[in-house]
Amino acid sequence: AGTGARMCLVSEEAKRIVKEISKNIGYLELGIDPDFQKTFLNSHIIPYADLDEFPKTSKILKQYGNYPTTPPPKF
């Protein structure tokens, strides 16, 4: 934390990039979504509890023969 601030102090290009990025940042209230907590908890299990939600991960697990035969329990 602070590396970006130091970069902006010494680089006009870094300052310009940061200003551009800051225009695209928004605020998202996750607590509004009634399924957020469940989805959040399920995504912390590795492999993920609901692999249908993560097709890239599923593909890699299948490719290397590590796709679970019994998935972890869902919350």
N, C-alpha and C. Protein backbone atom coordinates (compact mmCIF):
# COMPACT_ATOMS: atom_id res chain seq x y z
N ALA A 1 0.86 -1.18 0.00
CA ALA A 1 0.00 0.00 0.00
C ALA A 1 0.90 1.22 0.00
N GLY A 2 0.69 2.09 -0.90
CA GLY A 2 1.52 3.28 -0.96
C GLY A 2 2.44 3.30 -2.17
N THR A 3 2.69 2.12 -2.75
CA THR A 3 3.55 2.07 -3.93
C THR A 3 2.94 2.88 -5.06
N GLY A 4 1.64 2.73 -5.27
CA GLY A 4 0.96 3.48 -6.32
C GLY A 4 1.04 4.97 -6.09
N ALA A 5 0.91 5.39 -4.83
CA ALA A 5 1.00 6.81 -4.50
C ALA A 5 2.39 7.34 -4.81
N ARG A 6 3.42 6.57 -4.47
CA ARG A 6 4.79 6.99 -4.76
C ARG A 6 5.02 7.08 -6.27
N MET A 7 4.44 6.11 -7.01
CA MET A 7 4.58 6.14 -8.47
C MET A 7 3.97 7.41 -9.04
N CYS A 8 2.82 7.81 -8.51
CA CYS A 8 2.15 9.02 -9.00
C CYS A 8 2.95 10.27 -8.69
N LEU A 9 3.72 10.24 -7.61
CA LEU A 9 4.54 11.40 -7.27
C LEU A 9 5.70 11.59 -8.25
N VAL A 10 6.18 10.50 -8.81
CA VAL A 10 7.36 10.60 -9.68
C VAL A 10 7.05 10.41 -11.16
N SER A 11 5.84 10.02 -11.50
CA SER A 11 5.52 9.74 -12.89
C SER A 11 4.20 10.37 -13.31
N GLU A 12 4.29 11.27 -14.26
CA GLU A 12 3.07 11.89 -14.80
C GLU A 12 2.20 10.85 -15.50
N GLU A 13 2.83 9.89 -16.15
CA GLU A 13 2.09 8.83 -16.85
C GLU A 13 1.31 7.98 -15.85
N ALA A 14 1.94 7.63 -14.72
CA ALA A 14 1.25 6.85 -13.69
C ALA A 14 0.08 7.65 -13.13
N LYS A 15 0.27 8.93 -12.93
CA LYS A 15 -0.80 9.79 -12.42
C LYS A 15 -1.97 9.83 -13.40
N ARG A 16 -1.66 9.93 -14.69
CA ARG A 16 -2.71 9.95 -15.72
C ARG A 16 -3.50 8.64 -15.73
N ILE A 17 -2.78 7.52 -15.62
CA ILE A 17 -3.43 6.20 -15.62
C ILE A 17 -4.35 6.06 -14.41
N VAL A 18 -3.87 6.48 -13.25
CA VAL A 18 -4.67 6.39 -12.03
C VAL A 18 -5.93 7.24 -12.15
N LYS A 19 -5.81 8.43 -12.69
CA LYS A 19 -6.99 9.29 -12.86
C LYS A 19 -8.00 8.63 -13.79
N GLU A 20 -7.52 8.01 -14.86
CA GLU A 20 -8.41 7.34 -15.81
C GLU A 20 -9.12 6.15 -15.15
N ILE A 21 -8.38 5.36 -14.41
CA ILE A 21 -8.96 4.21 -13.71
C ILE A 21 -10.00 4.67 -12.70
N SER A 22 -9.70 5.75 -11.98
CA SER A 22 -10.61 6.22 -10.93
C SER A 22 -11.96 6.65 -11.48
N LYS A 23 -12.01 7.02 -12.76
CA LYS A 23 -13.29 7.42 -13.37
C LYS A 23 -14.22 6.22 -13.58
N ASN A 24 -13.65 5.02 -13.61
CA ASN A 24 -14.43 3.82 -13.89
C ASN A 24 -14.75 2.98 -12.66
N ILE A 25 -14.36 3.46 -11.50
CA ILE A 25 -14.60 2.72 -10.28
C ILE A 25 -15.99 3.03 -9.76
N GLY A 26 -16.70 1.99 -9.39
CA GLY A 26 -18.04 2.16 -8.84
C GLY A 26 -18.15 1.50 -7.48
N TYR A 27 -19.26 1.68 -6.86
CA TYR A 27 -19.52 1.09 -5.55
C TYR A 27 -20.63 0.07 -5.71
N LEU A 28 -20.43 -1.09 -5.15
CA LEU A 28 -21.42 -2.15 -5.23
C LEU A 28 -21.70 -2.64 -3.82
N GLU A 29 -22.93 -2.51 -3.38
CA GLU A 29 -23.32 -2.95 -2.04
C GLU A 29 -23.66 -4.43 -2.11
N LEU A 30 -22.73 -5.27 -1.67
CA LEU A 30 -22.93 -6.71 -1.76
C LEU A 30 -24.00 -7.21 -0.79
N GLY A 31 -24.19 -6.51 0.30
CA GLY A 31 -25.18 -6.93 1.28
C GLY A 31 -26.61 -6.90 0.78
N ILE A 32 -26.86 -6.21 -0.32
CA ILE A 32 -28.21 -6.13 -0.87
C ILE A 32 -28.63 -7.46 -1.48
N ASP A 33 -27.68 -8.18 -2.06
CA ASP A 33 -27.98 -9.46 -2.71
C ASP A 33 -28.25 -10.52 -1.65
N PRO A 34 -29.46 -11.08 -1.62
CA PRO A 34 -29.79 -12.06 -0.58
C PRO A 34 -28.96 -13.34 -0.69
N ASP A 35 -28.41 -13.64 -1.86
CA ASP A 35 -27.61 -14.86 -2.02
C ASP A 35 -26.11 -14.62 -1.85
N PHE A 36 -25.72 -13.40 -1.55
CA PHE A 36 -24.29 -13.11 -1.50
C PHE A 36 -23.56 -13.97 -0.48
N GLN A 37 -24.05 -14.05 0.74
CA GLN A 37 -23.35 -14.79 1.79
C GLN A 37 -23.18 -16.25 1.41
N LYS A 38 -24.23 -16.86 0.88
CA LYS A 38 -24.17 -18.26 0.48
C LYS A 38 -23.15 -18.44 -0.65
N THR A 39 -23.21 -17.59 -1.65
CA THR A 39 -22.28 -17.67 -2.78
C THR A 39 -20.85 -17.43 -2.31
N PHE A 40 -20.67 -16.47 -1.44
CA PHE A 40 -19.35 -16.15 -0.91
C PHE A 40 -18.76 -17.34 -0.17
N LEU A 41 -19.55 -17.94 0.71
CA LEU A 41 -19.05 -19.09 1.48
C LEU A 41 -18.75 -20.28 0.57
N ASN A 42 -19.61 -20.54 -0.39
CA ASN A 42 -19.38 -21.67 -1.29
C ASN A 42 -18.15 -21.47 -2.17
N SER A 43 -17.79 -20.24 -2.46
CA SER A 43 -16.64 -20.00 -3.33
C SER A 43 -15.32 -20.14 -2.59
N HIS A 44 -15.35 -20.25 -1.27
CA HIS A 44 -14.12 -20.39 -0.51
C HIS A 44 -13.70 -21.84 -0.31
N ILE A 45 -14.52 -22.76 -0.73
CA ILE A 45 -14.17 -24.17 -0.65
C ILE A 45 -13.39 -24.51 -1.91
N ILE A 46 -12.29 -25.19 -1.76
CA ILE A 46 -11.50 -25.58 -2.93
C ILE A 46 -11.45 -27.10 -2.95
N PRO A 47 -11.91 -27.78 -3.98
CA PRO A 47 -12.57 -27.19 -5.13
C PRO A 47 -13.92 -26.63 -4.73
N TYR A 48 -14.39 -25.70 -5.50
CA TYR A 48 -15.61 -24.98 -5.19
C TYR A 48 -16.79 -25.92 -5.02
N ALA A 49 -17.68 -25.56 -4.09
CA ALA A 49 -18.84 -26.40 -3.81
C ALA A 49 -19.73 -26.54 -5.03
N ASP A 50 -19.91 -25.51 -5.79
CA ASP A 50 -20.76 -25.56 -6.98
C ASP A 50 -19.89 -25.32 -8.21
N LEU A 51 -19.34 -26.38 -8.74
CA LEU A 51 -18.41 -26.25 -9.87
C LEU A 51 -19.09 -25.76 -11.13
N ASP A 52 -20.41 -25.83 -11.21
CA ASP A 52 -21.12 -25.28 -12.37
C ASP A 52 -20.94 -23.77 -12.46
N GLU A 53 -20.68 -23.14 -11.33
CA GLU A 53 -20.47 -21.70 -11.29
C GLU A 53 -19.08 -21.30 -11.79
N PHE A 54 -18.19 -22.27 -11.91
CA PHE A 54 -16.79 -22.00 -12.27
C PHE A 54 -16.36 -22.93 -13.39
N PRO A 55 -16.84 -22.68 -14.63
CA PRO A 55 -16.55 -23.60 -15.73
C PRO A 55 -15.06 -23.74 -16.07
N LYS A 56 -14.30 -22.68 -15.94
CA LYS A 56 -12.87 -22.77 -16.25
C LYS A 56 -12.17 -23.69 -15.24
N THR A 57 -12.52 -23.53 -13.97
CA THR A 57 -11.94 -24.38 -12.94
C THR A 57 -12.34 -25.83 -13.16
N SER A 58 -13.61 -26.06 -13.50
CA SER A 58 -14.10 -27.42 -13.76
C SER A 58 -13.31 -28.06 -14.89
N LYS A 59 -13.10 -27.31 -15.95
CA LYS A 59 -12.38 -27.83 -17.11
C LYS A 59 -10.95 -28.24 -16.74
N ILE A 60 -10.29 -27.40 -15.96
CA ILE A 60 -8.91 -27.70 -15.56
C ILE A 60 -8.87 -28.91 -14.64
N LEU A 61 -9.80 -28.99 -13.70
CA LEU A 61 -9.84 -30.14 -12.80
C LEU A 61 -10.07 -31.43 -13.57
N LYS A 62 -10.97 -31.40 -14.55
CA LYS A 62 -11.23 -32.58 -15.38
C LYS A 62 -10.01 -32.94 -16.21
N GLN A 63 -9.36 -31.92 -16.76
CA GLN A 63 -8.19 -32.13 -17.61
C GLN A 63 -7.08 -32.86 -16.86
N TYR A 64 -6.90 -32.54 -15.59
CA TYR A 64 -5.83 -33.16 -14.81
C TYR A 64 -6.30 -34.32 -13.95
N GLY A 65 -7.56 -34.73 -14.15
CA GLY A 65 -8.08 -35.88 -13.41
C GLY A 65 -8.34 -35.60 -11.94
N ASN A 66 -8.55 -34.35 -11.59
CA ASN A 66 -8.78 -33.98 -10.20
C ASN A 66 -10.21 -33.53 -9.92
N TYR A 67 -11.10 -33.76 -10.87
CA TYR A 67 -12.50 -33.36 -10.67
C TYR A 67 -13.09 -34.24 -9.57
N PRO A 68 -13.66 -33.66 -8.53
CA PRO A 68 -14.15 -34.47 -7.40
C PRO A 68 -15.35 -35.34 -7.79
N THR A 69 -15.33 -36.58 -7.32
CA THR A 69 -16.47 -37.46 -7.58
C THR A 69 -17.63 -37.09 -6.66
N THR A 70 -17.31 -36.62 -5.48
CA THR A 70 -18.32 -36.15 -4.54
C THR A 70 -17.97 -34.71 -4.17
N PRO A 71 -18.77 -33.75 -4.61
CA PRO A 71 -18.45 -32.35 -4.29
C PRO A 71 -18.64 -32.06 -2.80
N PRO A 72 -17.96 -31.05 -2.29
CA PRO A 72 -18.15 -30.65 -0.90
C PRO A 72 -19.59 -30.19 -0.68
N PRO A 73 -20.05 -30.22 0.55
CA PRO A 73 -21.42 -29.76 0.82
C PRO A 73 -21.57 -28.27 0.54
N LYS A 74 -22.74 -27.90 0.09
CA LYS A 74 -23.04 -26.49 -0.15
C LYS A 74 -23.66 -25.88 1.09
N PHE A 75 -23.45 -24.58 1.25
CA PHE A 75 -24.06 -23.86 2.36
C PHE A 75 -25.44 -23.42 1.98
